C-alpha cells in the first residue's frame, strides 16, 4: 500500500514561510489516503485535528526541543508553513498509527477549494447542519450545488463555542470529499486528474510530482475504482485546559490500522 497525507491548511500559503515557529498555520483537515497498488482500492482515514498525540517541537532556530502531547493540528505550526510543516505532521500521524509509514503528503490551503470545486462543475450536497449564519442557502436539509467560496464555507466553518463542533465539520468534510472523489473518478481520465493537479499547484505543497500523480491515478482508474472508502477513528471529545481534545479509542484505532494496512490471512 501507499499512504498519502492530505491536509487542509487554515492559512494562505503565500503568508507562510515566516520562520516564526508556531505561527505558520494549522492543519484543520487531516485525511490519510491509503492506496492498494495491487487492486487500485482507495481508502481514506479521517483524523480529527484535535487528536491528542506526541508532536515534535522546535524553537525559532529550528532546534529540536523534544516532544509534547498536544492537538495534531499544531504539528503543522511547528515548521516552516511548507515542507517542514508537512513532514512534522506526517511524523505525528505515523506516531498515532503505531508507526505505520506515511509515504507522501499534499497540503492545500483552504483558498484553493473554490478553484478545484468549480473546476469539476460544483459539488451537490444535502446540507448536514444549519450554516445560515454564514450563508443563507446553507439551510440544514437543503440540497445545494456548492460554487466558489460557498464550497470553502461548507468545509471550513465551525462554531468554536461548541465543544464538539469539529466533529460536525468533519462529517461535512467527509461528505464533501466523498462526493468530490466520486465526481472526479467517474467517467474521467488521467488527463482530467492531472489538470486538477495543475490547478491546485498554486495552493498546494506536495512531494508528489506530476509523473507520480499520473502513476497513482492510473492504478485507481485501471481497476475501475469510482470512489473511495471513507472511515474515521472512534473516540471521545473532552474539554482540556484550554481547548477541546479528541481521545481516540485505542482498540478501535488499532482495528482501523489492521483494516487499512494489512490483509487478513485465513489458515
C-alpha atoms as a PDB file:
ATOM      1  CA  UNK A   1       0.000   0.000   0.000  1.00  0.00           C
ATOM      2  CA  UNK A   2       0.933   3.644  -0.484  1.00  0.00           C
ATOM      3  CA  UNK A   3      -0.206   6.171   2.115  1.00  0.00           C
ATOM      4  CA  UNK A   4      -0.540   9.880   1.338  1.00  0.00           C
ATOM      5  CA  UNK A   5      -1.256  12.501   3.978  1.00  0.00           C
ATOM      6  CA  UNK A   6      -3.814  15.047   2.719  1.00  0.00           C
ATOM      7  CA  UNK A   7      -4.074  18.278   4.690  1.00  0.00           C
ATOM      8  CA  UNK A   8      -6.391  21.275   4.592  1.00  0.00           C
ATOM      9  CA  UNK A   9      -4.493  24.310   5.904  1.00  0.00           C
ATOM     10  CA  UNK A  10      -6.198  27.261   7.558  1.00  0.00           C
ATOM     11  CA  UNK A  11      -3.770  29.921   6.390  1.00  0.00           C
ATOM     12  CA  UNK A  12      -2.842  31.032   2.891  1.00  0.00           C
ATOM     13  CA  UNK A  13       0.469  29.521   1.818  1.00  0.00           C
ATOM     14  CA  UNK A  14       1.565  32.892   0.453  1.00  0.00           C
ATOM     15  CA  UNK A  15       1.622  34.162   4.034  1.00  0.00           C
ATOM     16  CA  UNK A  16       3.650  31.272   5.436  1.00  0.00           C
ATOM     17  CA  UNK A  17       7.351  30.645   5.485  1.00  0.00           C
ATOM     18  CA  UNK A  18       7.847  33.391   8.071  1.00  0.00           C
ATOM     19  CA  UNK A  19      10.228  31.220  10.134  1.00  0.00           C
ATOM     20  CA  UNK A  20       8.116  32.048  13.165  1.00  0.00           C
ATOM     21  CA  UNK A  21       7.717  28.608  14.688  1.00  0.00           C
ATOM     22  CA  UNK A  22       4.179  28.103  15.937  1.00  0.00           C
ATOM     23  CA  UNK A  23       2.743  30.800  13.649  1.00  0.00           C
ATOM     24  CA  UNK A  24       2.715  29.060  10.287  1.00  0.00           C
ATOM     25  CA  UNK A  25      -0.856  27.847  10.151  1.00  0.00           C
ATOM     26  CA  UNK A  26      -2.600  24.724  11.385  1.00  0.00           C
ATOM     27  CA  UNK A  27      -3.750  21.504   9.750  1.00  0.00           C
ATOM     28  CA  UNK A  28      -7.519  21.884  10.075  1.00  0.00           C
ATOM     29  CA  UNK A  29      -8.478  18.900   7.896  1.00  0.00           C
ATOM     30  CA  UNK A  30      -6.442  15.690   8.099  1.00  0.00           C
ATOM     31  CA  UNK A  31      -7.044  12.690   5.811  1.00  0.00           C
ATOM     32  CA  UNK A  32      -4.725   9.765   5.207  1.00  0.00           C
ATOM     33  CA  UNK A  33      -5.259   8.282   1.748  1.00  0.00           C
ATOM     34  CA  UNK A  34      -4.314   4.606   1.576  1.00  0.00           C
ATOM     35  CA  UNK A  35      -3.972   3.141  -1.924  1.00  0.00           C
ATOM     36  CA  UNK A  36      -3.656  -0.587  -2.565  1.00  0.00           C
ATOM     37  CA  UNK A  37      -1.344  -0.756  -5.600  1.00  0.00           C
ATOM     38  CA  UNK A  38      -2.455  -4.286  -6.462  1.00  0.00           C
ATOM     39  CA  UNK A  39      -6.203  -3.694  -6.518  1.00  0.00           C
ATOM     40  CA  UNK A  40      -6.410   0.073  -7.005  1.00  0.00           C
ATOM     41  CA  UNK A  41      -8.698   0.282  -3.964  1.00  0.00           C
ATOM     42  CA  UNK A  42      -8.606   3.697  -2.318  1.00  0.00           C
ATOM     43  CA  UNK A  43      -9.423   4.300   1.342  1.00  0.00           C
ATOM     44  CA  UNK A  44      -9.332   7.458   3.456  1.00  0.00           C
ATOM     45  CA  UNK A  45      -8.826   7.690   7.191  1.00  0.00           C
ATOM     46  CA  UNK A  46     -10.367  10.907   8.513  1.00  0.00           C
ATOM     47  CA  UNK A  47      -8.379  12.046  11.557  1.00  0.00           C
ATOM     48  CA  UNK A  48      -9.620  14.732  13.936  1.00  0.00           C
ATOM     49  CA  UNK A  49      -7.420  17.834  14.112  1.00  0.00           C
ATOM     50  CA  UNK A  50      -7.964  17.723  17.878  1.00  0.00           C
ATOM     51  CA  UNK A  51      -6.499  14.225  18.274  1.00  0.00           C
ATOM     52  CA  UNK A  52      -4.015  14.204  21.143  1.00  0.00           C
ATOM     53  CA  UNK A  53      -0.637  12.876  20.018  1.00  0.00           C
ATOM     54  CA  UNK A  54       3.070  13.395  20.767  1.00  0.00           C
ATOM     55  CA  UNK A  55       4.364  16.150  18.474  1.00  0.00           C
ATOM     56  CA  UNK A  56       7.924  17.257  17.715  1.00  0.00           C
ATOM     57  CA  UNK A  57       8.568  20.795  18.967  1.00  0.00           C
ATOM     58  CA  UNK A  58      11.212  23.184  17.592  1.00  0.00           C
ATOM     59  CA  UNK A  59      12.393  26.644  18.569  1.00  0.00           C
ATOM     60  CA  UNK A  60      12.665  29.629  16.193  1.00  0.00           C
ATOM     61  CA  UNK A  61      16.150  28.492  15.115  1.00  0.00           C
ATOM     62  CA  UNK A  62      14.738  25.091  14.189  1.00  0.00           C
ATOM     63  CA  UNK A  63      16.425  23.285  17.101  1.00  0.00           C
ATOM     64  CA  UNK A  64      14.557  20.191  18.304  1.00  0.00           C
ATOM     65  CA  UNK A  65      13.130  20.722  21.797  1.00  0.00           C
ATOM     66  CA  UNK A  66      11.594  17.293  22.311  1.00  0.00           C
ATOM     67  CA  UNK A  67       8.035  16.028  22.010  1.00  0.00           C
ATOM     68  CA  UNK A  68       4.897  17.215  23.730  1.00  0.00           C
ATOM     69  CA  UNK A  69       1.387  15.780  23.755  1.00  0.00           C
ATOM     70  CA  UNK A  70      -0.950  18.249  22.070  1.00  0.00           C
ATOM     71  CA  UNK A  71      -3.551  18.606  19.322  1.00  0.00           C
ATOM     72  CA  UNK A  72      -2.489  17.106  15.994  1.00  0.00           C
ATOM     73  CA  UNK A  73      -3.273  20.340  14.133  1.00  0.00           C
ATOM     74  CA  UNK A  74      -0.399  22.075  15.936  1.00  0.00           C
ATOM     75  CA  UNK A  75       2.206  19.789  14.353  1.00  0.00           C
ATOM     76  CA  UNK A  76       1.922  21.901  11.199  1.00  0.00           C
ATOM     77  CA  UNK A  77       2.615  25.091  13.151  1.00  0.00           C
ATOM     78  CA  UNK A  78       5.972  23.713  14.321  1.00  0.00           C
ATOM     79  CA  UNK A  79       7.550  24.094  10.909  1.00  0.00           C
ATOM     80  CA  UNK A  80       8.086  26.495   8.032  1.00  0.00           C
ATOM     81  CA  UNK A  81       4.494  26.501   6.795  1.00  0.00           C
ATOM     82  CA  UNK A  82       5.574  24.347   3.868  1.00  0.00           C
ATOM     83  CA  UNK A  83       7.624  21.146   3.540  1.00  0.00           C
ATOM     84  CA  UNK A  84       8.904  21.002   7.126  1.00  0.00           C
ATOM     85  CA  UNK A  85       5.403  21.528   8.479  1.00  0.00           C
ATOM     86  CA  UNK A  86       4.066  18.706   6.306  1.00  0.00           C
ATOM     87  CA  UNK A  87       6.899  16.401   7.359  1.00  0.00           C
ATOM     88  CA  UNK A  88       6.284  17.152  11.028  1.00  0.00           C
ATOM     89  CA  UNK A  89       2.576  16.420  10.656  1.00  0.00           C
ATOM     90  CA  UNK A  90       3.341  13.203   8.760  1.00  0.00           C
ATOM     91  CA  UNK A  91       5.606  12.070  11.597  1.00  0.00           C
ATOM     92  CA  UNK A  92       2.890  12.821  14.164  1.00  0.00           C
ATOM     93  CA  UNK A  93       0.309  10.863  12.150  1.00  0.00           C
ATOM     94  CA  UNK A  94       2.691   7.916  11.807  1.00  0.00           C
ATOM     95  CA  UNK A  95       3.264   8.017  15.563  1.00  0.00           C
ATOM     96  CA  UNK A  96      -0.505   7.999  16.141  1.00  0.00           C
ATOM     97  CA  UNK A  97      -0.905   4.967  13.837  1.00  0.00           C
ATOM     98  CA  UNK A  98       1.629   2.765  15.656  1.00  0.00           C
ATOM     99  CA  UNK A  99       4.491   3.623  13.313  1.00  0.00           C
ATOM    100  CA  UNK A 100       2.719   2.964  10.009  1.00  0.00           C
ATOM    101  CA  UNK A 101       4.617   4.740   7.198  1.00  0.00           C
ATOM    102  CA  UNK A 102       3.404   7.940   5.549  1.00  0.00           C
ATOM    103  CA  UNK A 103       4.950   7.865   2.082  1.00  0.00           C
ATOM    104  CA  UNK A 104       3.937  11.288   0.746  1.00  0.00           C
ATOM    105  CA  UNK A 105       1.951  14.421   1.535  1.00  0.00           C
ATOM    106  CA  UNK A 106      -0.210  17.058  -0.129  1.00  0.00           C
ATOM    107  CA  UNK A 107      -1.271  20.151   1.810  1.00  0.00           C
ATOM    108  CA  UNK A 108      -3.719  22.554   0.217  1.00  0.00           C
ATOM    109  CA  UNK A 109      -4.745  25.941   1.527  1.00  0.00           C
ATOM    110  CA  UNK A 110      -8.482  26.361   2.029  1.00  0.00           C
ATOM    111  CA  UNK A 111      -8.458  29.183  -0.534  1.00  0.00           C
ATOM    112  CA  UNK A 112      -7.792  26.576  -3.225  1.00  0.00           C
ATOM    113  CA  UNK A 113     -11.095  24.783  -2.592  1.00  0.00           C
ATOM    114  CA  UNK A 114     -13.262  27.171  -4.680  1.00  0.00           C
ATOM    115  CA  UNK A 115     -10.900  26.708  -7.631  1.00  0.00           C
ATOM    116  CA  UNK A 116     -10.987  22.899  -7.546  1.00  0.00           C
ATOM    117  CA  UNK A 117     -14.696  22.825  -6.712  1.00  0.00           C
ATOM    118  CA  UNK A 118     -15.635  24.946  -9.728  1.00  0.00           C
ATOM    119  CA  UNK A 119     -13.208  23.040 -11.976  1.00  0.00           C
ATOM    120  CA  UNK A 120     -15.444  19.951 -11.633  1.00  0.00           C
ATOM    121  CA  UNK A 121     -18.660  21.928 -12.087  1.00  0.00           C
ATOM    122  CA  UNK A 122     -19.554  22.331  -8.424  1.00  0.00           C
ATOM    123  CA  UNK A 123     -20.400  19.737  -5.793  1.00  0.00           C
ATOM    124  CA  UNK A 124     -24.011  18.929  -4.829  1.00  0.00           C
ATOM    125  CA  UNK A 125     -24.658  18.095  -1.167  1.00  0.00           C
ATOM    126  CA  UNK A 126     -27.551  17.793   1.237  1.00  0.00           C
ATOM    127  CA  UNK A 127     -26.593  20.319   3.914  1.00  0.00           C
ATOM    128  CA  UNK A 128     -25.866  18.405   7.122  1.00  0.00           C
ATOM    129  CA  UNK A 129     -26.257  21.250   9.629  1.00  0.00           C
ATOM    130  CA  UNK A 130     -27.601  24.772   9.711  1.00  0.00           C
ATOM    131  CA  UNK A 131     -24.970  27.173   8.372  1.00  0.00           C
ATOM    132  CA  UNK A 132     -27.291  30.058   7.508  1.00  0.00           C
ATOM    133  CA  UNK A 133     -25.311  32.288   9.859  1.00  0.00           C
ATOM    134  CA  UNK A 134     -22.580  32.211   7.186  1.00  0.00           C
ATOM    135  CA  UNK A 135     -24.666  31.603   4.031  1.00  0.00           C
ATOM    136  CA  UNK A 136     -28.457  31.840   3.724  1.00  0.00           C
ATOM    137  CA  UNK A 137     -28.575  28.994   1.192  1.00  0.00           C
ATOM    138  CA  UNK A 138     -26.894  26.542   3.564  1.00  0.00           C
ATOM    139  CA  UNK A 139     -30.015  25.557   5.488  1.00  0.00           C
ATOM    140  CA  UNK A 140     -29.990  22.118   7.090  1.00  0.00           C
ATOM    141  CA  UNK A 141     -31.579  19.547   4.776  1.00  0.00           C
ATOM    142  CA  UNK A 142     -31.415  21.745   1.677  1.00  0.00           C
ATOM    143  CA  UNK A 143     -29.871  20.257  -1.473  1.00  0.00           C
ATOM    144  CA  UNK A 144     -27.324  22.762  -2.741  1.00  0.00           C
ATOM    145  CA  UNK A 145     -24.781  22.728  -5.539  1.00  0.00           C
ATOM    146  CA  UNK A 146     -21.797  24.453  -3.989  1.00  0.00           C
ATOM    147  CA  UNK A 147     -19.918  27.010  -6.070  1.00  0.00           C
ATOM    148  CA  UNK A 148     -16.987  29.321  -5.361  1.00  0.00           C
ATOM    149  CA  UNK A 149     -16.440  30.491  -1.803  1.00  0.00           C
ATOM    150  CA  UNK A 150     -19.614  28.720  -0.721  1.00  0.00           C
ATOM    151  CA  UNK A 151     -17.718  25.425  -1.034  1.00  0.00           C
ATOM    152  CA  UNK A 152     -14.953  26.750   1.208  1.00  0.00           C
ATOM    153  CA  UNK A 153     -17.534  27.873   3.767  1.00  0.00           C
ATOM    154  CA  UNK A 154     -19.153  24.445   3.785  1.00  0.00           C
ATOM    155  CA  UNK A 155     -15.949  22.526   4.540  1.00  0.00           C
ATOM    156  CA  UNK A 156     -14.282  25.143   6.731  1.00  0.00           C
ATOM    157  CA  UNK A 157     -16.814  26.800   9.050  1.00  0.00           C
ATOM    158  CA  UNK A 158     -17.462  25.618  12.587  1.00  0.00           C
ATOM    159  CA  UNK A 159     -18.962  27.133  15.728  1.00  0.00           C
ATOM    160  CA  UNK A 160     -15.999  27.283  18.100  1.00  0.00           C
ATOM    161  CA  UNK A 161     -18.318  27.848  21.079  1.00  0.00           C
ATOM    162  CA  UNK A 162     -19.496  24.232  20.780  1.00  0.00           C
ATOM    163  CA  UNK A 163     -17.123  21.671  22.291  1.00  0.00           C
ATOM    164  CA  UNK A 164     -17.511  19.000  19.606  1.00  0.00           C
ATOM    165  CA  UNK A 165     -18.053  21.359  16.661  1.00  0.00           C
ATOM    166  CA  UNK A 166     -15.080  19.867  14.836  1.00  0.00           C
ATOM    167  CA  UNK A 167     -16.899  16.512  14.685  1.00  0.00           C
ATOM    168  CA  UNK A 168     -19.774  18.176  12.823  1.00  0.00           C
ATOM    169  CA  UNK A 169     -17.317  19.852  10.456  1.00  0.00           C
ATOM    170  CA  UNK A 170     -15.506  16.547   9.882  1.00  0.00           C
ATOM    171  CA  UNK A 171     -18.828  14.999   8.843  1.00  0.00           C
ATOM    172  CA  UNK A 172     -19.271  17.762   6.248  1.00  0.00           C
ATOM    173  CA  UNK A 173     -15.681  17.381   5.049  1.00  0.00           C
ATOM    174  CA  UNK A 174     -16.127  13.632   4.744  1.00  0.00           C
ATOM    175  CA  UNK A 175     -19.369  14.100   2.788  1.00  0.00           C
ATOM    176  CA  UNK A 176     -17.829  16.725   0.511  1.00  0.00           C
ATOM    177  CA  UNK A 177     -14.654  14.770  -0.234  1.00  0.00           C
ATOM    178  CA  UNK A 178     -16.565  11.552  -0.908  1.00  0.00           C
ATOM    179  CA  UNK A 179     -18.797  13.351  -3.425  1.00  0.00           C
ATOM    180  CA  UNK A 180     -15.850  15.194  -4.967  1.00  0.00           C
ATOM    181  CA  UNK A 181     -13.901  11.958  -5.466  1.00  0.00           C
ATOM    182  CA  UNK A 182     -16.863  10.159  -6.986  1.00  0.00           C
ATOM    183  CA  UNK A 183     -17.372  13.051  -9.403  1.00  0.00           C
ATOM    184  CA  UNK A 184     -13.681  13.147 -10.370  1.00  0.00           C
ATOM    185  CA  UNK A 185     -13.180   9.397 -10.745  1.00  0.00           C
ATOM    186  CA  UNK A 186     -16.411   8.554 -12.548  1.00  0.00           C
ATOM    187  CA  UNK A 187     -16.045   8.887 -16.297  1.00  0.00           C
ATOM    188  CA  UNK A 188     -12.807  10.878 -16.225  1.00  0.00           C
ATOM    189  CA  UNK A 189      -9.374  10.042 -17.492  1.00  0.00           C
ATOM    190  CA  UNK A 190      -5.864  10.620 -16.238  1.00  0.00           C
ATOM    191  CA  UNK A 191      -5.725  13.876 -18.195  1.00  0.00           C
ATOM    192  CA  UNK A 192      -8.616  15.318 -16.194  1.00  0.00           C
ATOM    193  CA  UNK A 193      -6.982  14.366 -12.900  1.00  0.00           C
ATOM    194  CA  UNK A 194      -3.655  15.868 -13.951  1.00  0.00           C
ATOM    195  CA  UNK A 195      -5.450  19.043 -15.000  1.00  0.00           C
ATOM    196  CA  UNK A 196      -6.872  19.303 -11.460  1.00  0.00           C
ATOM    197  CA  UNK A 197      -3.380  18.721 -10.062  1.00  0.00           C
ATOM    198  CA  UNK A 198      -2.052  21.646 -12.109  1.00  0.00           C
ATOM    199  CA  UNK A 199      -4.903  23.907 -10.984  1.00  0.00           C
ATOM    200  CA  UNK A 200      -4.090  23.025  -7.355  1.00  0.00           C
ATOM    201  CA  UNK A 201      -0.354  23.757  -7.641  1.00  0.00           C
ATOM    202  CA  UNK A 202      -0.656  27.445  -6.707  1.00  0.00           C
ATOM    203  CA  UNK A 203      -2.377  26.493  -3.443  1.00  0.00           C
ATOM    204  CA  UNK A 204      -0.544  23.303  -2.607  1.00  0.00           C
ATOM    205  CA  UNK A 205       2.673  21.984  -1.088  1.00  0.00           C
ATOM    206  CA  UNK A 206       3.400  18.364  -2.003  1.00  0.00           C
ATOM    207  CA  UNK A 207       6.253  15.963  -2.588  1.00  0.00           C
ATOM    208  CA  UNK A 208       4.268  14.189  -5.326  1.00  0.00           C
ATOM    209  CA  UNK A 209       5.290  15.345  -8.806  1.00  0.00           C
ATOM    210  CA  UNK A 210       3.157  15.227 -11.950  1.00  0.00           C
ATOM    211  CA  UNK A 211       4.512  11.886 -13.207  1.00  0.00           C
ATOM    212  CA  UNK A 212       3.966  10.252  -9.806  1.00  0.00           C
ATOM    213  CA  UNK A 213       0.412  11.599  -9.745  1.00  0.00           C
ATOM    214  CA  UNK A 214      -0.194  10.117 -13.197  1.00  0.00           C
ATOM    215  CA  UNK A 215       1.046   6.728 -11.955  1.00  0.00           C
ATOM    216  CA  UNK A 216      -1.142   6.788  -8.833  1.00  0.00           C
ATOM    217  CA  UNK A 217      -4.207   7.898 -10.812  1.00  0.00           C
ATOM    218  CA  UNK A 218      -3.669   5.102 -13.336  1.00  0.00           C
ATOM    219  CA  UNK A 219      -3.647   2.497 -10.560  1.00  0.00           C
ATOM    220  CA  UNK A 220      -7.091   3.628  -9.440  1.00  0.00           C
ATOM    221  CA  UNK A 221      -8.658   4.131 -12.870  1.00  0.00           C
ATOM    222  CA  UNK A 222      -7.394   0.942 -14.500  1.00  0.00           C
ATOM    223  CA  UNK A 223      -9.034  -1.090 -11.736  1.00  0.00           C
ATOM    224  CA  UNK A 224     -12.388   0.602 -12.220  1.00  0.00           C
ATOM    225  CA  UNK A 225     -12.468   2.328  -8.837  1.00  0.00           C
ATOM    226  CA  UNK A 226     -15.019   5.165  -8.911  1.00  0.00           C
ATOM    227  CA  UNK A 227     -14.944   6.378  -5.320  1.00  0.00           C
ATOM    228  CA  UNK A 228     -13.054   5.992  -2.067  1.00  0.00           C
ATOM    229  CA  UNK A 229     -13.970   4.290   1.185  1.00  0.00           C
ATOM    230  CA  UNK A 230     -14.027   6.847   3.994  1.00  0.00           C
ATOM    231  CA  UNK A 231     -13.545   5.807   7.639  1.00  0.00           C
ATOM    232  CA  UNK A 232     -12.989   7.696  10.884  1.00  0.00           C
ATOM    233  CA  UNK A 233     -11.382   6.936  14.228  1.00  0.00           C
ATOM    234  CA  UNK A 234     -13.901   6.430  17.061  1.00  0.00           C
ATOM    235  CA  UNK A 235     -13.139   8.320  20.240  1.00  0.00           C
ATOM    236  CA  UNK A 236     -14.263  10.924  22.749  1.00  0.00           C
ATOM    237  CA  UNK A 237     -14.073  14.722  22.780  1.00  0.00           C
ATOM    238  CA  UNK A 238     -13.192  16.143  26.207  1.00  0.00           C
ATOM    239  CA  UNK A 239     -12.551  19.657  27.478  1.00  0.00           C
ATOM    240  CA  UNK A 240      -8.840  20.208  28.014  1.00  0.00           C
ATOM    241  CA  UNK A 241      -7.245  23.028  29.956  1.00  0.00           C
ATOM    242  CA  UNK A 242      -7.952  25.435  27.090  1.00  0.00           C
ATOM    243  CA  UNK A 243      -9.296  23.599  24.057  1.00  0.00           C
ATOM    244  CA  UNK A 244     -11.234  20.527  23.007  1.00  0.00           C
ATOM    245  CA  UNK A 245      -9.210  17.314  22.944  1.00  0.00           C
ATOM    246  CA  UNK A 246     -10.065  14.199  20.953  1.00  0.00           C
ATOM    247  CA  UNK A 247      -9.004  10.997  22.692  1.00  0.00           C
ATOM    248  CA  UNK A 248      -9.061   8.013  20.300  1.00  0.00           C
ATOM    249  CA  UNK A 249     -10.499   4.657  21.284  1.00  0.00           C
ATOM    250  CA  UNK A 250      -7.214   2.718  21.230  1.00  0.00           C
ATOM    251  CA  UNK A 251      -8.791  -0.641  20.418  1.00  0.00           C
ATOM    252  CA  UNK A 252     -10.825   0.821  17.553  1.00  0.00           C
ATOM    253  CA  UNK A 253      -7.784   2.719  16.270  1.00  0.00           C
ATOM    254  CA  UNK A 254      -5.738  -0.491  16.244  1.00  0.00           C
ATOM    255  CA  UNK A 255      -8.505  -2.204  14.243  1.00  0.00           C
ATOM    256  CA  UNK A 256      -8.501   0.665  11.730  1.00  0.00           C
ATOM    257  CA  UNK A 257      -4.747   0.231  11.213  1.00  0.00           C
ATOM    258  CA  UNK A 258      -5.188  -3.502  10.626  1.00  0.00           C
ATOM    259  CA  UNK A 259      -8.011  -2.876   8.133  1.00  0.00           C
ATOM    260  CA  UNK A 260      -6.078  -0.275   6.131  1.00  0.00           C
ATOM    261  CA  UNK A 261      -2.545  -1.649   6.117  1.00  0.00           C
ATOM    262  CA  UNK A 262      -2.858  -5.414   6.460  1.00  0.00           C
ATOM    263  CA  UNK A 263      -4.513  -8.352   4.730  1.00  0.00           C
ATOM    264  CA  UNK A 264      -6.069 -10.986   6.953  1.00  0.00           C
ATOM    265  CA  UNK A 265      -4.716 -14.459   6.250  1.00  0.00           C
ATOM    266  CA  UNK A 266      -7.017 -17.381   6.976  1.00  0.00           C
ATOM    267  CA  UNK A 267      -5.385 -20.705   7.714  1.00  0.00           C
END
